Amino acid sequence: MNRPSKARVAGRRRRSWCSAAHAGVLVAVLAWWLWGCEAGGETTLTSGTTGTSAPVSSSAPYATTTTTTTPTTSEPATTSTTVPSSPIPPGGKEYVRIPGEARVVALTFDAAYDPAPLDGILAALRAEGVPATFFLTGEFAEDFPDSVAAIVAAGHPIGSHSHSHPDFTQISAAQVRSQLSRTADLLQKSGAGDPSPLFRFPYGARDVETLALVGREGYVSVYWTIDTLDWKPERTPRRSMRWCSPS
């Protein structure tokens, strides 16, 4: 297995994955919460899912947004990642919530730094029969190909999380395109396939310009309704569950 350079390790931030223990408990609790709901209650984020198209504003490192929800009649999909069925609009597109009244939770995991929690996360998902979507950086795919292979083998969709995890609002358009293309190349070489159209902005930092730019490159932004901030002692699975609601 390739090992990251000392410089890369030194530049990594602590923010990476949910811890394996936290993820395992959260997955189990979510599975209980979803138990007994109608078919399709658990969903992965895929290109076939209709989400929210919204203007955004951002501030680094953790952007907050004001979104204008556009209700749709589309049902949540549980499919593998495919090319969007309709063109991405000129201003870009962002998925925040899947409209509906079902008890649905979409679990997503970002991986940029440390693969250590992955085995526990995959085991918890497998034990509860819960799908999830993973967003990987190009550096992660390059450094930890065995981890990428494990996610692929488990059948979870994989999206792009940039190459080196920069703030996209602070780099040039050319650098943004390079971040996307390099990651796509590395993920395909690792066996994960083409990550488009699924993309998660590093730190959640994006604005109108970057949302439109990634859209022109064939990607849609997949944002979150809650960042578990699991490395903080007060962030327990029960606390995270307080944010769960239909859609």
Protein backbone atom coordinates (compact mmCIF):
# COMPACT_ATOMS: atom_id res chain seq x y z
CA MET A 1 0.00 0.00 0.00
CA ASN A 2 1.22 3.49 -0.78
CA ARG A 3 1.94 5.68 2.22
CA PRO A 4 1.39 9.44 2.33
CA SER A 5 4.38 11.72 2.64
CA LYS A 6 5.24 13.30 5.98
CA ALA A 7 4.42 16.70 4.52
CA ARG A 8 0.97 15.52 3.52
CA VAL A 9 0.34 13.98 6.94
CA ALA A 10 1.52 17.18 8.64
CA GLY A 11 -0.92 19.20 6.55
CA ARG A 12 -3.89 17.04 7.32
CA ARG A 13 -6.62 18.28 9.57
CA ARG A 14 -8.32 16.29 12.27
CA ARG A 15 -11.66 16.60 10.52
CA SER A 16 -12.12 13.41 8.53
CA TRP A 17 -14.53 10.59 9.35
CA CYS A 18 -17.07 9.79 11.99
CA SER A 19 -15.27 7.58 14.49
CA ALA A 20 -15.99 3.88 14.03
CA ALA A 21 -17.71 3.62 17.42
CA HIS A 22 -19.83 6.73 16.86
CA ALA A 23 -20.75 5.63 13.34
CA GLY A 24 -21.68 2.16 14.51
CA VAL A 25 -24.01 3.45 17.21
CA LEU A 26 -25.49 6.08 14.91
CA VAL A 27 -26.16 3.54 12.16
CA ALA A 28 -27.82 1.19 14.65
CA VAL A 29 -29.99 4.00 16.04
CA LEU A 30 -30.95 5.17 12.56
CA ALA A 31 -31.84 1.63 11.55
CA TRP A 32 -34.14 1.42 14.56
CA TRP A 33 -35.68 4.80 13.73
CA LEU A 34 -36.34 3.70 10.15
CA TRP A 35 -37.64 0.25 11.15
CA GLY A 36 -41.21 -0.34 10.13
CA CYS A 37 -41.40 2.53 7.65
CA GLU A 38 -42.48 2.05 4.07
CA ALA A 39 -40.24 0.38 1.50
CA GLY A 40 -37.41 2.54 0.30
CA GLY A 41 -36.99 4.21 3.68
CA GLU A 42 -33.23 3.98 3.44
CA THR A 43 -31.58 5.67 0.50
CA THR A 44 -28.23 6.40 -0.98
CA LEU A 45 -27.54 9.72 -2.64
CA THR A 46 -27.40 9.07 -6.35
CA SER A 47 -27.77 10.98 -9.57
CA GLY A 48 -31.34 9.76 -9.90
CA THR A 49 -32.44 11.53 -6.73
CA THR A 50 -34.11 14.92 -7.07
CA GLY A 51 -32.88 17.43 -4.51
CA THR A 52 -32.85 21.14 -3.82
CA SER A 53 -31.63 23.69 -6.34
CA ALA A 54 -30.52 26.71 -4.37
CA PRO A 55 -28.48 29.92 -4.37
CA VAL A 56 -25.73 29.68 -1.76
CA SER A 57 -23.32 31.77 0.23
CA SER A 58 -20.31 30.52 2.11
CA SER A 59 -17.64 31.32 4.63
CA ALA A 60 -14.64 29.13 5.36
CA PRO A 61 -14.02 26.76 6.92
CA TYR A 62 -17.61 25.65 7.67
CA ALA A 63 -20.06 27.31 5.37
CA THR A 64 -23.68 27.90 6.27
CA THR A 65 -26.29 28.40 3.60
CA THR A 66 -29.69 29.86 3.06
CA THR A 67 -31.58 27.67 0.63
CA THR A 68 -34.84 28.03 -1.21
CA THR A 69 -36.42 24.60 -1.48
CA THR A 70 -38.09 23.60 -4.73
CA PRO A 71 -40.60 20.83 -3.92
CA THR A 72 -40.74 17.91 -6.31
CA THR A 73 -42.74 14.74 -6.66
CA SER A 74 -39.77 12.48 -7.26
CA GLU A 75 -39.32 9.56 -4.89
CA PRO A 76 -35.95 8.79 -3.28
CA ALA A 77 -33.91 6.40 -5.38
CA THR A 78 -31.69 3.55 -4.28
CA THR A 79 -29.54 2.97 -7.31
CA SER A 80 -25.91 3.00 -8.28
CA THR A 81 -24.31 6.22 -9.42
CA THR A 82 -25.15 7.07 -13.03
CA VAL A 83 -25.05 10.08 -15.33
CA PRO A 84 -27.77 12.66 -14.52
CA SER A 85 -31.02 12.08 -16.38
CA SER A 86 -31.36 15.81 -17.04
CA PRO A 87 -28.75 18.51 -17.71
CA ILE A 88 -27.31 20.39 -14.74
CA PRO A 89 -28.71 23.95 -14.85
CA PRO A 90 -26.31 26.81 -15.69
CA GLY A 91 -26.17 27.99 -12.09
CA GLY A 92 -25.37 24.53 -10.79
CA LYS A 93 -27.43 22.29 -8.55
CA GLU A 94 -27.28 21.32 -4.91
CA TYR A 95 -28.85 18.42 -3.03
CA VAL A 96 -29.71 19.18 0.59
CA ARG A 97 -32.92 17.30 1.36
CA ILE A 98 -35.02 14.76 -0.51
CA PRO A 99 -38.60 16.07 -0.32
CA GLY A 100 -41.13 13.69 1.17
CA GLU A 101 -42.80 12.52 4.36
CA ALA A 102 -41.10 9.13 4.68
CA ARG A 103 -38.72 8.46 7.57
CA VAL A 104 -35.64 8.60 5.36
CA VAL A 105 -32.07 9.32 6.36
CA ALA A 106 -29.24 9.54 3.84
CA LEU A 107 -25.91 8.72 5.47
CA THR A 108 -22.77 10.21 3.92
CA PHE A 109 -19.12 9.87 4.91
CA ASP A 110 -16.23 12.11 3.80
CA ALA A 111 -12.76 10.60 3.64
CA ALA A 112 -9.69 12.73 3.13
CA TYR A 113 -7.16 11.63 5.70
CA ASP A 114 -7.38 8.55 7.87
CA PRO A 115 -8.69 5.12 6.78
CA ALA A 116 -8.61 3.61 10.28
CA PRO A 117 -12.38 3.94 11.04
CA LEU A 118 -13.47 2.46 7.70
CA ASP A 119 -13.64 -1.21 8.72
CA GLY A 120 -15.91 -0.38 11.65
CA ILE A 121 -18.13 1.87 9.54
CA LEU A 122 -18.56 -0.73 6.80
CA ALA A 123 -19.23 -3.43 9.38
CA ALA A 124 -21.95 -1.33 11.05
CA LEU A 125 -23.59 -0.53 7.72
CA ARG A 126 -23.48 -4.18 6.70
CA ALA A 127 -24.88 -5.40 10.03
CA GLU A 128 -27.87 -3.07 9.84
CA GLY A 129 -28.42 -3.38 6.08
CA VAL A 130 -28.02 0.37 5.63
CA PRO A 131 -26.62 2.00 2.47
CA ALA A 132 -24.39 5.07 2.51
CA THR A 133 -22.58 7.35 0.09
CA PHE A 134 -18.84 7.99 0.46
CA PHE A 135 -17.08 11.13 -0.75
CA LEU A 136 -13.35 10.56 -1.24
CA THR A 137 -10.46 12.85 -2.08
CA GLY A 138 -8.00 11.97 -4.79
CA GLU A 139 -5.20 11.86 -2.22
CA PHE A 140 -7.17 9.34 -0.17
CA ALA A 141 -7.70 7.15 -3.24
CA GLU A 142 -4.00 7.38 -4.07
CA ASP A 143 -2.78 6.69 -0.53
CA PHE A 144 -5.30 4.01 0.48
CA PRO A 145 -6.38 1.97 -2.57
CA ASP A 146 -7.35 -0.99 -0.35
CA SER A 147 -9.85 1.22 1.46
CA VAL A 148 -11.40 2.35 -1.81
CA ALA A 149 -11.64 -1.28 -2.89
CA ALA A 150 -13.43 -2.18 0.35
CA ILE A 151 -16.05 0.53 -0.21
CA VAL A 152 -16.56 -0.60 -3.80
CA ALA A 153 -16.87 -4.24 -2.72
CA ALA A 154 -19.53 -3.24 -0.18
CA GLY A 155 -21.57 -1.68 -2.99
CA HIS A 156 -21.69 1.90 -1.71
CA PRO A 157 -21.68 4.79 -4.23
CA ILE A 158 -18.56 6.99 -4.27
CA GLY A 159 -18.47 10.69 -5.06
CA SER A 160 -15.67 13.24 -5.36
CA HIS A 161 -14.44 15.31 -2.43
CA SER A 162 -11.71 17.16 -4.43
CA HIS A 163 -8.10 16.08 -4.75
CA SER A 164 -6.34 17.75 -1.82
CA HIS A 165 -9.26 19.23 0.17
CA PRO A 166 -8.78 22.97 -0.51
CA ASP A 167 -11.37 25.70 0.02
CA PHE A 168 -12.83 26.03 -3.49
CA THR A 169 -13.79 29.66 -2.88
CA GLN A 170 -10.10 30.50 -2.41
CA ILE A 171 -8.63 28.90 -5.55
CA SER A 172 -8.81 29.71 -9.25
CA ALA A 173 -11.21 28.21 -11.78
CA ALA A 174 -8.32 26.34 -13.38
CA GLN A 175 -7.35 24.88 -10.00
CA VAL A 176 -10.95 23.81 -9.37
CA ARG A 177 -11.06 21.98 -12.70
CA SER A 178 -7.72 20.33 -11.91
CA GLN A 179 -8.98 19.20 -8.49
CA LEU A 180 -12.01 17.58 -10.10
CA SER A 181 -10.24 15.92 -13.02
CA ARG A 182 -7.35 14.56 -10.95
CA THR A 183 -9.74 13.02 -8.46
CA ALA A 184 -11.87 11.47 -11.18
CA ASP A 185 -8.79 9.92 -12.76
CA LEU A 186 -7.54 8.49 -9.47
CA LEU A 187 -10.93 7.10 -8.47
CA GLN A 188 -11.37 5.41 -11.81
CA LYS A 189 -7.88 3.93 -11.61
CA SER A 190 -8.70 2.61 -8.14
CA GLY A 191 -11.77 0.80 -9.45
CA ALA A 192 -14.37 3.16 -8.04
CA GLY A 193 -15.56 4.35 -11.44
CA ASP A 194 -16.50 7.86 -12.51
CA PRO A 195 -17.56 9.85 -9.41
CA SER A 196 -19.64 12.37 -11.35
CA PRO A 197 -22.10 13.83 -10.75
CA LEU A 198 -21.69 13.44 -6.98
CA PHE A 199 -19.47 16.08 -5.37
CA ARG A 200 -19.03 17.45 -1.86
CA PHE A 201 -17.23 20.74 -1.37
CA PRO A 202 -14.35 20.58 1.12
CA TYR A 203 -15.41 22.27 4.38
CA GLY A 204 -18.80 22.85 2.73
CA ALA A 205 -17.30 26.09 1.41
CA ARG A 206 -18.94 27.16 -1.83
CA ASP A 207 -20.55 30.17 -3.43
CA VAL A 208 -22.57 30.98 -6.52
CA GLU A 209 -19.47 30.98 -8.75
CA THR A 210 -18.04 27.66 -7.56
CA LEU A 211 -21.44 25.96 -7.62
CA ALA A 212 -21.86 26.99 -11.26
CA LEU A 213 -18.28 26.00 -12.09
CA VAL A 214 -18.54 22.45 -10.76
CA GLY A 215 -21.88 22.19 -12.56
CA ARG A 216 -20.19 22.99 -15.86
CA GLU A 217 -17.74 20.19 -15.10
CA GLY A 218 -20.60 17.73 -14.67
CA TYR A 219 -21.02 17.72 -10.89
CA VAL A 220 -23.77 18.61 -8.45
CA SER A 221 -23.13 19.66 -4.87
CA VAL A 222 -24.28 17.27 -2.15
CA TYR A 223 -24.51 19.22 1.09
CA TRP A 224 -25.53 18.00 4.55
CA THR A 225 -28.29 18.85 7.00
CA ILE A 226 -26.04 18.03 9.96
CA ASP A 227 -22.28 17.72 10.37
CA THR A 228 -21.87 15.38 13.34
CA LEU A 229 -18.56 16.98 14.44
CA ASP A 230 -18.00 13.61 16.04
CA TRP A 231 -14.56 14.35 17.47
CA LYS A 232 -16.18 16.69 20.00
CA PRO A 233 -17.03 14.86 23.26
CA GLU A 234 -20.48 16.44 23.48
CA ARG A 235 -21.45 15.20 20.00
CA THR A 236 -23.20 11.92 20.74
CA PRO A 237 -25.36 9.83 18.37
CA ARG A 238 -28.44 10.84 20.37
CA ARG A 239 -27.59 14.50 19.85
CA SER A 240 -27.22 13.91 16.11
CA MET A 241 -30.59 12.16 16.00
CA ARG A 242 -32.31 15.34 17.19
CA TRP A 243 -31.80 16.77 13.72
CA CYS A 244 -33.55 13.92 11.93
CA SER A 245 -36.87 14.78 10.32
CA PRO A 246 -38.93 13.57 7.34
CA SER A 247 -37.36 14.31 3.90
